[in-house]
C-alpha atoms as a PDB file:
ATOM      1  CA  MET A   1     -12.402  -8.583   1.515  1.00  0.00           C
ATOM      2  CA  THR A   2     -16.159  -8.892   0.959  1.00  0.00           C
ATOM      3  CA  GLY A   3     -17.076  -6.522   3.790  1.00  0.00           C
ATOM      4  CA  ALA A   4     -15.820  -5.063   7.052  1.00  0.00           C
ATOM      5  CA  ILE A   5     -17.092  -4.164  10.509  1.00  0.00           C
ATOM      6  CA  VAL A   6     -14.990  -1.595  12.375  1.00  0.00           C
ATOM      7  CA  THR A   7     -15.454  -1.132  16.116  1.00  0.00           C
ATOM      8  CA  GLY A   8     -14.114   2.148  17.424  1.00  0.00           C
ATOM      9  CA  ALA A   9     -14.985   3.694  14.066  1.00  0.00           C
ATOM     10  CA  GLY A  10     -15.370   7.137  15.629  1.00  0.00           C
ATOM     11  CA  GLY A  11     -11.861   7.167  17.081  1.00  0.00           C
ATOM     12  CA  PHE A  12      -8.499   8.421  15.842  1.00  0.00           C
ATOM     13  CA  LEU A  13      -7.432   5.184  14.170  1.00  0.00           C
ATOM     14  CA  GLY A  14     -10.859   3.659  13.544  1.00  0.00           C
ATOM     15  CA  TYR A  15     -12.204   6.639  11.635  1.00  0.00           C
ATOM     16  CA  ALA A  16      -9.118   6.703   9.409  1.00  0.00           C
ATOM     17  CA  LEU A  17      -9.501   2.970   8.777  1.00  0.00           C
ATOM     18  CA  ALA A  18     -13.177   3.405   7.863  1.00  0.00           C
ATOM     19  CA  ARG A  19     -12.320   6.154   5.381  1.00  0.00           C
ATOM     20  CA  HIS A  20      -9.611   4.020   3.750  1.00  0.00           C
ATOM     21  CA  LEU A  21     -11.966   1.055   3.427  1.00  0.00           C
ATOM     22  CA  GLU A  22     -14.638   3.253   1.863  1.00  0.00           C
ATOM     23  CA  ARG A  23     -12.138   4.555  -0.686  1.00  0.00           C
ATOM     24  CA  ARG A  24     -11.418   0.928  -1.593  1.00  0.00           C
ATOM     25  CA  ALA A  25     -15.171   0.368  -2.053  1.00  0.00           C
ATOM     26  CA  VAL A  26     -15.260  -2.235   0.737  1.00  0.00           C
ATOM     27  CA  PRO A  27     -18.830  -2.566   2.124  1.00  0.00           C
ATOM     28  CA  LEU A  28     -18.566  -1.261   5.672  1.00  0.00           C
ATOM     29  CA  ARG A  29     -20.417  -0.905   8.960  1.00  0.00           C
ATOM     30  CA  GLY A  30     -18.992   1.131  11.838  1.00  0.00           C
ATOM     31  CA  LEU A  31     -19.631   0.655  15.566  1.00  0.00           C
ATOM     32  CA  ASP A  32     -18.472   2.922  18.372  1.00  0.00           C
ATOM     33  CA  LEU A  33     -18.950   3.334  22.108  1.00  0.00           C
ATOM     34  CA  ARG A  34     -20.172   6.903  21.654  1.00  0.00           C
ATOM     35  CA  GLY A  35     -21.228   7.185  18.047  1.00  0.00           C
ATOM     36  CA  SER A  36     -19.577   9.971  16.070  1.00  0.00           C
ATOM     37  CA  SER A  37     -19.749  13.743  15.776  1.00  0.00           C
ATOM     38  CA  SER A  38     -17.891  13.684  12.465  1.00  0.00           C
ATOM     39  CA  GLY A  39     -20.911  13.033  10.276  1.00  0.00           C
ATOM     40  CA  HIS A  40     -19.700   9.518   9.479  1.00  0.00           C
ATOM     41  CA  ALA A  41     -22.469   6.897   9.737  1.00  0.00           C
ATOM     42  CA  ILE A  42     -21.572   4.969  12.881  1.00  0.00           C
ATOM     43  CA  ARG A  43     -23.902   2.891  15.038  1.00  0.00           C
ATOM     44  CA  CYS A  44     -23.497   3.525  18.770  1.00  0.00           C
ATOM     45  CA  VAL A  45     -23.285   0.336  20.850  1.00  0.00           C
ATOM     46  CA  ASP A  46     -22.416  -0.609  24.432  1.00  0.00           C
ATOM     47  CA  LEU A  47     -19.677  -3.174  23.900  1.00  0.00           C
ATOM     48  CA  SER A  48     -19.473  -3.881  27.630  1.00  0.00           C
ATOM     49  CA  ASN A  49     -22.894  -5.550  27.328  1.00  0.00           C
ATOM     50  CA  LEU A  50     -22.888  -8.902  25.529  1.00  0.00           C
ATOM     51  CA  GLU A  51     -26.455  -8.763  24.241  1.00  0.00           C
ATOM     52  CA  SER A  52     -26.051  -5.228  22.929  1.00  0.00           C
ATOM     53  CA  THR A  53     -22.838  -6.271  21.203  1.00  0.00           C
ATOM     54  CA  CYS A  54     -24.431  -9.392  19.696  1.00  0.00           C
ATOM     55  CA  GLY A  55     -27.387  -7.396  18.396  1.00  0.00           C
ATOM     56  CA  ALA A  56     -25.262  -4.693  16.782  1.00  0.00           C
ATOM     57  CA  ILE A  57     -22.910  -7.161  15.109  1.00  0.00           C
ATOM     58  CA  ALA A  58     -25.770  -9.389  13.943  1.00  0.00           C
ATOM     59  CA  VAL A  59     -27.477  -6.408  12.293  1.00  0.00           C
ATOM     60  CA  SER A  60     -24.194  -5.350  10.689  1.00  0.00           C
ATOM     61  CA  VAL A  61     -23.587  -8.848   9.286  1.00  0.00           C
ATOM     62  CA  GLU A  62     -27.123  -8.998   7.912  1.00  0.00           C
ATOM     63  CA  GLU A  63     -26.717  -5.620   6.232  1.00  0.00           C
ATOM     64  CA  LEU A  64     -23.367  -6.549   4.716  1.00  0.00           C
ATOM     65  CA  GLY A  65     -24.148 -10.130   3.751  1.00  0.00           C
ATOM     66  CA  GLY A  66     -21.484 -12.811   3.513  1.00  0.00           C
ATOM     67  CA  ARG A  67     -18.766 -13.062   6.159  1.00  0.00           C
ATOM     68  CA  PRO A  68     -17.147  -9.682   6.823  1.00  0.00           C
ATOM     69  CA  THR A  69     -13.804  -9.077   8.491  1.00  0.00           C
ATOM     70  CA  MET A  70     -14.021  -7.681  12.011  1.00  0.00           C
ATOM     71  CA  PHE A  71     -11.535  -4.896  12.779  1.00  0.00           C
ATOM     72  CA  HIS A  72     -11.782  -4.532  16.555  1.00  0.00           C
ATOM     73  CA  LEU A  73     -10.361  -1.098  17.389  1.00  0.00           C
ATOM     74  CA  ALA A  74     -12.737   0.034  20.151  1.00  0.00           C
ATOM     75  CA  GLY A  75     -11.255   0.503  23.605  1.00  0.00           C
ATOM     76  CA  LEU A  76      -9.505   2.840  26.005  1.00  0.00           C
ATOM     77  CA  ALA A  77      -6.101   3.729  24.577  1.00  0.00           C
ATOM     78  CA  HIS A  78      -5.288   6.589  26.968  1.00  0.00           C
ATOM     79  CA  ALA A  79      -2.640   5.212  29.354  1.00  0.00           C
ATOM     80  CA  GLY A  80      -3.311   7.916  31.942  1.00  0.00           C
ATOM     81  CA  LEU A  81      -7.047   7.206  32.037  1.00  0.00           C
ATOM     82  CA  CYS A  82      -6.346   3.484  32.299  1.00  0.00           C
ATOM     83  CA  ARG A  83      -4.100   4.145  35.284  1.00  0.00           C
ATOM     84  CA  ALA A  84      -6.713   6.387  36.913  1.00  0.00           C
ATOM     85  CA  ASP A  85      -9.557   3.898  36.459  1.00  0.00           C
ATOM     86  CA  PRO A  86      -8.289   0.335  35.967  1.00  0.00           C
ATOM     87  CA  SER A  87     -11.790  -1.112  36.250  1.00  0.00           C
ATOM     88  CA  ALA A  88     -12.976   0.989  33.311  1.00  0.00           C
ATOM     89  CA  ALA A  89      -9.820   0.052  31.398  1.00  0.00           C
ATOM     90  CA  PHE A  90     -10.417  -3.680  31.783  1.00  0.00           C
ATOM     91  CA  THR A  91     -14.085  -3.275  30.893  1.00  0.00           C
ATOM     92  CA  ALA A  92     -13.288  -1.341  27.716  1.00  0.00           C
ATOM     93  CA  ASN A  93     -10.257  -3.329  26.606  1.00  0.00           C
ATOM     94  CA  VAL A  94     -10.845  -6.854  27.916  1.00  0.00           C
ATOM     95  CA  THR A  95     -14.553  -7.416  28.576  1.00  0.00           C
ATOM     96  CA  ALA A  96     -15.525  -5.618  25.384  1.00  0.00           C
ATOM     97  CA  THR A  97     -13.051  -7.722  23.391  1.00  0.00           C
ATOM     98  CA  ALA A  98     -14.523 -10.912  24.834  1.00  0.00           C
ATOM     99  CA  ASN A  99     -18.028  -9.680  23.979  1.00  0.00           C
ATOM    100  CA  VAL A 100     -17.064  -8.833  20.398  1.00  0.00           C
ATOM    101  CA  LEU A 101     -15.501 -12.266  19.905  1.00  0.00           C
ATOM    102  CA  GLU A 102     -18.483 -14.087  21.391  1.00  0.00           C
ATOM    103  CA  ALA A 103     -20.876 -12.051  19.237  1.00  0.00           C
ATOM    104  CA  CYS A 104     -18.777 -12.912  16.184  1.00  0.00           C
ATOM    105  CA  ARG A 105     -18.888 -16.612  17.103  1.00  0.00           C
ATOM    106  CA  ARG A 106     -22.667 -16.540  17.423  1.00  0.00           C
ATOM    107  CA  VAL A 107     -23.230 -14.900  14.026  1.00  0.00           C
ATOM    108  CA  GLY A 108     -20.524 -16.753  12.100  1.00  0.00           C
ATOM    109  CA  VAL A 109     -17.805 -14.108  11.769  1.00  0.00           C
ATOM    110  CA  SER A 110     -14.391 -15.667  12.337  1.00  0.00           C
ATOM    111  CA  ARG A 111     -11.916 -13.267  10.665  1.00  0.00           C
ATOM    112  CA  ILE A 112     -10.520 -10.754  13.155  1.00  0.00           C
ATOM    113  CA  VAL A 113      -7.835  -8.052  12.909  1.00  0.00           C
ATOM    114  CA  PHE A 114      -6.844  -6.510  16.238  1.00  0.00           C
ATOM    115  CA  PRO A 115      -4.360  -3.704  17.004  1.00  0.00           C
ATOM    116  CA  SER A 116      -2.340  -4.220  20.178  1.00  0.00           C
ATOM    117  CA  THR A 117       0.710  -2.289  21.339  1.00  0.00           C
ATOM    118  CA  ALA A 118       4.479  -2.651  21.517  1.00  0.00           C
ATOM    119  CA  LEU A 119       4.155  -1.698  25.191  1.00  0.00           C
ATOM    120  CA  VAL A 120       3.317  -5.344  25.948  1.00  0.00           C
ATOM    121  CA  TYR A 121       7.020  -6.237  25.546  1.00  0.00           C
ATOM    122  CA  ALA A 122       9.416  -6.467  28.485  1.00  0.00           C
ATOM    123  CA  LEU A 123      11.939  -3.609  28.629  1.00  0.00           C
ATOM    124  CA  PRO A 124      14.833  -3.245  28.415  1.00  0.00           C
ATOM    125  CA  GLY A 125      15.606  -5.923  25.889  1.00  0.00           C
ATOM    126  CA  PRO A 126      17.512  -6.612  22.670  1.00  0.00           C
ATOM    127  CA  LEU A 127      16.664  -4.315  19.758  1.00  0.00           C
ATOM    128  CA  PRO A 128      14.960  -4.463  17.379  1.00  0.00           C
ATOM    129  CA  ILE A 129      12.179  -6.269  19.243  1.00  0.00           C
ATOM    130  CA  THR A 130      10.796  -9.333  17.493  1.00  0.00           C
ATOM    131  CA  GLU A 131       7.405 -10.940  17.995  1.00  0.00           C
ATOM    132  CA  GLN A 132       9.093 -13.718  20.002  1.00  0.00           C
ATOM    133  CA  ALA A 133      10.389 -11.313  22.669  1.00  0.00           C
ATOM    134  CA  PRO A 134       9.093 -11.877  26.223  1.00  0.00           C
ATOM    135  CA  LEU A 135       6.083  -9.926  27.429  1.00  0.00           C
ATOM    136  CA  GLY A 136       6.317  -7.608  30.417  1.00  0.00           C
ATOM    137  CA  PRO A 137       3.562  -4.985  30.559  1.00  0.00           C
ATOM    138  CA  ARG A 138       4.516  -1.981  32.710  1.00  0.00           C
ATOM    139  CA  SER A 139       1.151  -0.248  32.840  1.00  0.00           C
ATOM    140  CA  ILE A 140      -2.541  -1.014  33.264  1.00  0.00           C
ATOM    141  CA  TYR A 141      -3.054  -0.130  29.598  1.00  0.00           C
ATOM    142  CA  ALA A 142      -0.424  -2.629  28.430  1.00  0.00           C
ATOM    143  CA  ALA A 143      -1.786  -5.264  30.829  1.00  0.00           C
ATOM    144  CA  THR A 144      -5.260  -4.950  29.290  1.00  0.00           C
ATOM    145  CA  LYS A 145      -3.768  -5.527  25.860  1.00  0.00           C
ATOM    146  CA  VAL A 146      -1.977  -8.682  27.038  1.00  0.00           C
ATOM    147  CA  CYS A 147      -5.283  -9.950  28.440  1.00  0.00           C
ATOM    148  CA  ALA A 148      -7.104  -9.156  25.199  1.00  0.00           C
ATOM    149  CA  GLU A 149      -4.426 -10.965  23.189  1.00  0.00           C
ATOM    150  CA  ALA A 150      -4.852 -14.048  25.409  1.00  0.00           C
ATOM    151  CA  ILE A 151      -8.623 -14.076  24.806  1.00  0.00           C
ATOM    152  CA  LEU A 152      -8.055 -13.780  21.059  1.00  0.00           C
ATOM    153  CA  GLY A 153      -5.680 -16.736  21.231  1.00  0.00           C
ATOM    154  CA  GLY A 154      -8.327 -18.800  23.014  1.00  0.00           C
ATOM    155  CA  TYR A 155     -10.935 -18.133  20.319  1.00  0.00           C
ATOM    156  CA  ALA A 156      -8.434 -18.971  17.592  1.00  0.00           C
ATOM    157  CA  ALA A 157      -7.620 -22.280  19.300  1.00  0.00           C
ATOM    158  CA  ASP A 158     -11.110 -23.403  20.360  1.00  0.00           C
ATOM    159  CA  TYR A 159     -13.216 -22.071  17.492  1.00  0.00           C
ATOM    160  CA  SER A 160     -10.740 -21.979  14.560  1.00  0.00           C
ATOM    161  CA  PHE A 161     -10.934 -18.207  14.244  1.00  0.00           C
ATOM    162  CA  SER A 162      -8.497 -16.519  11.883  1.00  0.00           C
ATOM    163  CA  ILE A 163      -6.919 -13.730  13.924  1.00  0.00           C
ATOM    164  CA  ASP A 164      -4.140 -11.284  13.148  1.00  0.00           C
ATOM    165  CA  ILE A 165      -2.775  -9.156  15.995  1.00  0.00           C
ATOM    166  CA  ALA A 166      -0.734  -6.082  15.076  1.00  0.00           C
ATOM    167  CA  ARG A 167       1.484  -4.735  17.850  1.00  0.00           C
ATOM    168  CA  LEU A 168       1.789  -1.058  17.035  1.00  0.00           C
ATOM    169  CA  GLY A 169       4.566   1.416  17.712  1.00  0.00           C
ATOM    170  CA  ASN A 170       3.773   5.032  18.672  1.00  0.00           C
ATOM    171  CA  VAL A 171       0.998   6.075  16.303  1.00  0.00           C
ATOM    172  CA  TYR A 172       0.827   9.772  15.439  1.00  0.00           C
ATOM    173  CA  GLY A 173      -0.846  11.941  12.834  1.00  0.00           C
ATOM    174  CA  PRO A 174      -3.557  14.584  12.352  1.00  0.00           C
ATOM    175  CA  GLY A 175      -6.294  14.249  14.937  1.00  0.00           C
ATOM    176  CA  GLY A 176      -4.163  12.187  17.299  1.00  0.00           C
ATOM    177  CA  PRO A 177      -4.783  12.211  21.067  1.00  0.00           C
ATOM    178  CA  ALA A 178      -3.635  15.554  22.447  1.00  0.00           C
ATOM    179  CA  ASP A 179      -1.831  13.923  25.389  1.00  0.00           C
ATOM    180  CA  SER A 180       0.297  11.410  23.469  1.00  0.00           C
ATOM    181  CA  VAL A 181       4.022  12.130  23.621  1.00  0.00           C
ATOM    182  CA  ALA A 182       4.114  13.136  19.939  1.00  0.00           C
ATOM    183  CA  SER A 183       1.063  15.397  20.172  1.00  0.00           C
ATOM    184  CA  THR A 184       2.259  16.971  23.435  1.00  0.00           C
ATOM    185  CA  LEU A 185       5.610  17.771  21.903  1.00  0.00           C
ATOM    186  CA  LEU A 186       4.228  19.069  18.605  1.00  0.00           C
ATOM    187  CA  ARG A 187       1.648  21.269  20.329  1.00  0.00           C
ATOM    188  CA  GLN A 188       4.387  22.844  22.422  1.00  0.00           C
ATOM    189  CA  VAL A 189       6.427  23.514  19.290  1.00  0.00           C
ATOM    190  CA  ILE A 190       3.439  25.175  17.607  1.00  0.00           C
ATOM    191  CA  GLY A 191       2.945  27.301  20.739  1.00  0.00           C
ATOM    192  CA  ASP A 192       6.092  29.251  21.578  1.00  0.00           C
ATOM    193  CA  GLY A 193       8.625  26.722  20.327  1.00  0.00           C
ATOM    194  CA  HIS A 194       9.717  25.819  23.868  1.00  0.00           C
ATOM    195  CA  VAL A 195       9.448  22.093  24.519  1.00  0.00           C
ATOM    196  CA  HIS A 196       9.430  20.996  28.168  1.00  0.00           C
ATOM    197  CA  LEU A 197       9.190  17.253  28.792  1.00  0.00           C
ATOM    198  CA  ARG A 198      10.114  15.012  31.696  1.00  0.00           C
ATOM    199  CA  THR A 199      12.828  13.271  29.691  1.00  0.00           C
ATOM    200  CA  LEU A 200      14.075  13.353  26.107  1.00  0.00           C
ATOM    201  CA  ALA A 201      15.961  10.050  26.337  1.00  0.00           C
ATOM    202  CA  PRO A 202      13.335   7.359  25.600  1.00  0.00           C
ATOM    203  CA  VAL A 203      13.440   5.897  22.103  1.00  0.00           C
ATOM    204  CA  ARG A 204      10.164   5.138  20.341  1.00  0.00           C
ATOM    205  CA  ASP A 205       9.191   3.683  16.986  1.00  0.00           C
ATOM    206  CA  PHE A 206       6.894   6.312  15.470  1.00  0.00           C
ATOM    207  CA  ILE A 207       4.452   5.343  12.743  1.00  0.00           C
ATOM    208  CA  HIS A 208       1.957   7.528  10.908  1.00  0.00           C
ATOM    209  CA  ARG A 209      -1.726   6.712  11.316  1.00  0.00           C
ATOM    210  CA  ASP A 210      -2.213   6.190   7.567  1.00  0.00           C
ATOM    211  CA  ASP A 211       0.651   3.688   7.406  1.00  0.00           C
ATOM    212  CA  VAL A 212      -0.943   1.765  10.288  1.00  0.00           C
ATOM    213  CA  VAL A 213      -4.296   1.696   8.503  1.00  0.00           C
ATOM    214  CA  ASP A 214      -2.668   0.432   5.325  1.00  0.00           C
ATOM    215  CA  GLY A 215      -0.889  -2.292   7.298  1.00  0.00           C
ATOM    216  CA  LEU A 216      -4.104  -3.443   8.985  1.00  0.00           C
ATOM    217  CA  ILE A 217      -5.900  -3.662   5.647  1.00  0.00           C
ATOM    218  CA  ARG A 218      -2.974  -5.530   4.086  1.00  0.00           C
ATOM    219  CA  LEU A 219      -3.116  -8.041   6.947  1.00  0.00           C
ATOM    220  CA  ALA A 220      -6.830  -8.560   6.413  1.00  0.00           C
ATOM    221  CA  GLU A 221      -6.263  -9.187   2.728  1.00  0.00           C
ATOM    222  CA  ALA A 222      -3.211 -11.454   3.119  1.00  0.00           C
ATOM    223  CA  GLY A 223      -5.172 -14.588   3.965  1.00  0.00           C
ATOM    224  CA  GLY A 224      -7.674 -15.946   6.435  1.00  0.00           C
ATOM    225  CA  GLU A 225      -6.420 -19.375   7.427  1.00  0.00           C
ATOM    226  CA  PRO A 226      -7.405 -20.453  10.966  1.00  0.00           C
ATOM    227  CA  GLY A 227      -5.054 -19.606  13.795  1.00  0.00           C
ATOM    228  CA  LEU A 228      -3.495 -16.713  15.693  1.00  0.00           C
ATOM    229  CA  ARG A 229      -0.731 -14.668  14.098  1.00  0.00           C
ATOM    230  CA  ILE A 230       1.147 -11.783  15.721  1.00  0.00           C
ATOM    231  CA  PHE A 231       2.986  -9.055  13.811  1.00  0.00           C
ATOM    232  CA  ASN A 232       4.851  -5.890  14.730  1.00  0.00           C
ATOM    233  CA  LEU A 233       3.508  -2.935  12.765  1.00  0.00           C
ATOM    234  CA  SER A 234       5.616   0.207  12.852  1.00  0.00           C
ATOM    235  CA  SER A 235       8.388   2.010  10.995  1.00  0.00           C
ATOM    236  CA  GLY A 236      11.199  -0.188  12.301  1.00  0.00           C
ATOM    237  CA  VAL A 237      13.194   2.977  13.055  1.00  0.00           C
ATOM    238  CA  GLY A 238      13.960   4.181  16.576  1.00  0.00           C
ATOM    239  CA  THR A 239      13.754   7.906  17.275  1.00  0.00           C
ATOM    240  CA  SER A 240      14.432   9.489  20.656  1.00  0.00           C
ATOM    241  CA  ILE A 241      12.020  12.063  22.056  1.00  0.00           C
ATOM    242  CA  GLY A 242      14.860  14.591  21.802  1.00  0.00           C
ATOM    243  CA  GLU A 243      15.375  13.810  18.129  1.00  0.00           C
ATOM    244  CA  LEU A 244      11.650  14.188  17.487  1.00  0.00           C
ATOM    245  CA  ALA A 245      11.713  17.611  19.180  1.00  0.00           C
ATOM    246  CA  GLU A 246      14.662  18.677  17.038  1.00  0.00           C
ATOM    247  CA  LEU A 247      12.912  17.482  13.880  1.00  0.00           C
ATOM    248  CA  ALA A 248       9.737  19.384  14.780  1.00  0.00           C
ATOM    249  CA  ASN A 249      11.665  22.576  15.505  1.00  0.00           C
ATOM    250  CA  GLN A 250      13.452  22.303  12.172  1.00  0.00           C
ATOM    251  CA  ALA A 251      10.117  21.843  10.407  1.00  0.00           C
ATOM    252  CA  ILE A 252       8.875  25.251  11.570  1.00  0.00           C
ATOM    253  CA  GLY A 253      12.226  27.036  11.585  1.00  0.00           C
ATOM    254  CA  HIS A 254      12.778  27.187  15.361  1.00  0.00           C
ATOM    255  CA  ALA A 255      16.185  26.639  16.919  1.00  0.00           C
ATOM    256  CA  THR A 256      15.148  26.500  20.585  1.00  0.00           C
ATOM    257  CA  PRO A 257      16.470  23.310  22.213  1.00  0.00           C
ATOM    258  CA  ALA A 258      14.045  21.107  24.123  1.00  0.00           C
ATOM    259  CA  ILE A 259      14.301  21.076  27.919  1.00  0.00           C
ATOM    260  CA  GLU A 260      13.937  17.964  30.058  1.00  0.00           C
ATOM    261  CA  THR A 261      12.801  18.357  33.652  1.00  0.00           C
ATOM    262  CA  GLU A 262      14.306  15.046  34.820  1.00  0.00           C
ATOM    263  CA  PRO A 263      17.619  14.669  32.950  1.00  0.00           C
ATOM    264  CA  GLY A 264      19.146  11.225  32.953  1.00  0.00           C
ATOM    265  CA  THR A 265      15.905   9.297  33.273  1.00  0.00           C
ATOM    266  CA  GLY A 266      14.427   6.983  30.662  1.00  0.00           C
ATOM    267  CA  ARG A 267      17.702   5.871  29.099  1.00  0.00           C
ATOM    268  CA  GLU A 268      16.745   2.181  29.291  1.00  0.00           C
ATOM    269  CA  ASP A 269      13.298   2.906  27.846  1.00  0.00           C
ATOM    270  CA  ARG A 270      13.882   1.991  24.216  1.00  0.00           C
ATOM    271  CA  ILE A 271      11.477   0.505  21.683  1.00  0.00           C
ATOM    272  CA  THR A 272      12.360  -0.254  18.085  1.00  0.00           C
ATOM    273  CA  LEU A 273      10.383  -2.989  16.368  1.00  0.00           C
ATOM    274  CA  ASP A 274      11.441  -5.629  13.875  1.00  0.00           C
ATOM    275  CA  VAL A 275       8.755  -5.460  11.177  1.00  0.00           C
ATOM    276  CA  GLY A 276      10.206  -8.092   8.852  1.00  0.00           C
ATOM    277  CA  LEU A 277       7.496 -10.650   9.573  1.00  0.00           C
ATOM    278  CA  LEU A 278       4.738  -8.260   8.494  1.00  0.00           C
ATOM    279  CA  LYS A 279       6.608  -7.280   5.337  1.00  0.00           C
ATOM    280  CA  ARG A 280       7.094 -10.906   4.361  1.00  0.00           C
ATOM    281  CA  ARG A 281       3.437 -11.707   5.004  1.00  0.00           C
ATOM    282  CA  THR A 282       1.910  -8.724   3.191  1.00  0.00           C
ATOM    283  CA  GLY A 283       4.552  -6.833   1.215  1.00  0.00           C
ATOM    284  CA  TRP A 284       3.698  -3.761   3.306  1.00  0.00           C
ATOM    285  CA  THR A 285       6.233  -1.025   3.937  1.00  0.00           C
ATOM    286  CA  PRO A 286       5.614   2.352   5.602  1.00  0.00           C
ATOM    287  CA  ALA A 287       5.168   5.104   3.010  1.00  0.00           C
ATOM    288  CA  ILE A 288       5.299   8.288   5.120  1.00  0.00           C
ATOM    289  CA  PRO A 289       8.739   9.432   6.355  1.00  0.00           C
ATOM    290  CA  LEU A 290       8.749  10.829   9.885  1.00  0.00           C
ATOM    291  CA  ARG A 291       9.722  14.319   8.688  1.00  0.00           C
ATOM    292  CA  ASP A 292       6.779  14.459   6.262  1.00  0.00           C
ATOM    293  CA  GLY A 293       4.357  13.076   8.846  1.00  0.00           C
ATOM    294  CA  VAL A 294       5.515  15.597  11.453  1.00  0.00           C
ATOM    295  CA  MET A 295       5.010  18.493   9.043  1.00  0.00           C
ATOM    296  CA  GLN A 296       1.537  17.218   8.135  1.00  0.00           C
ATOM    297  CA  THR A 297       0.597  16.879  11.793  1.00  0.00           C
ATOM    298  CA  LEU A 298       1.941  20.327  12.666  1.00  0.00           C
ATOM    299  CA  GLN A 299      -0.180  21.804   9.890  1.00  0.00           C
ATOM    300  CA  ALA A 300      -3.268  20.003  11.198  1.00  0.00           C
ATOM    301  CA  ILE A 301      -2.633  21.392  14.704  1.00  0.00           C
ATOM    302  CA  ARG A 302      -2.313  24.913  13.265  1.00  0.00           C
ATOM    303  CA  GLU A 303      -5.605  24.559  11.418  1.00  0.00           C
ATOM    304  CA  GLU A 304      -7.416  23.194  14.449  1.00  0.00           C
ATOM    305  CA  ARG A 305      -6.333  26.267  16.466  1.00  0.00           C
ATOM    306  CA  ARG A 306      -7.676  28.794  13.963  1.00  0.00           C
END
């Protein structure tokens, strides 16, 4: 990889990706909707405006030289906010994606890596879920990701872009969104040890942020032939919300069982991903066991509360 542009470089996943690329000495430029308060050098840009997007990407390409890889991570990943304001969700996740792709076309960048979500798949369905499984988004957030994937496919077909889409499981780790199911649960455990959630039955495929970042970089480095390729990127292991609560309690020495407010719901809500295609393409395997990642995240929550 001769260089990289990361949109969403001030966010949970984007900032971690930028740090990993810097450690690998990859020349890098970061773009974000809001800039960054972390001290990391990130250019603020309005990705909902095509000309602003074109200008920012053109400057980044000129600064980097050559043909960098575009990691497009900017967007609205909060499912609740997407539900509350679908117009803003489609602007951030669909219009902005179209603008980034068009800006890339104009300046000659054709290598794109894009994180999507396992929530695009229809549920319930056979497990583990392969990349050939039917789509069936059940939220505005997931619908925006399906739309973005379709736009990416169009640019790959019409303009010979080289695009890798990574459909992610439930990403967790230090600095993760406070309202994600993992963060909500872990913050309750750190509080008084009493976990109250709507249901403990759903099964999710949890993957640590750093393993996701490593997978995205491995995809970028695996080859840039024209076309659209889709990969599942997660641990490949299903864990129920109840099991995650038990693991978190064990990590801090609590024995208080989790309480569900709507017992019996969510039993058909199961996601475990088949990650064989990604492993064959890149040799990637997740390196952080769930227990270790949970302990690391719990420690980060403790430190943030001091």
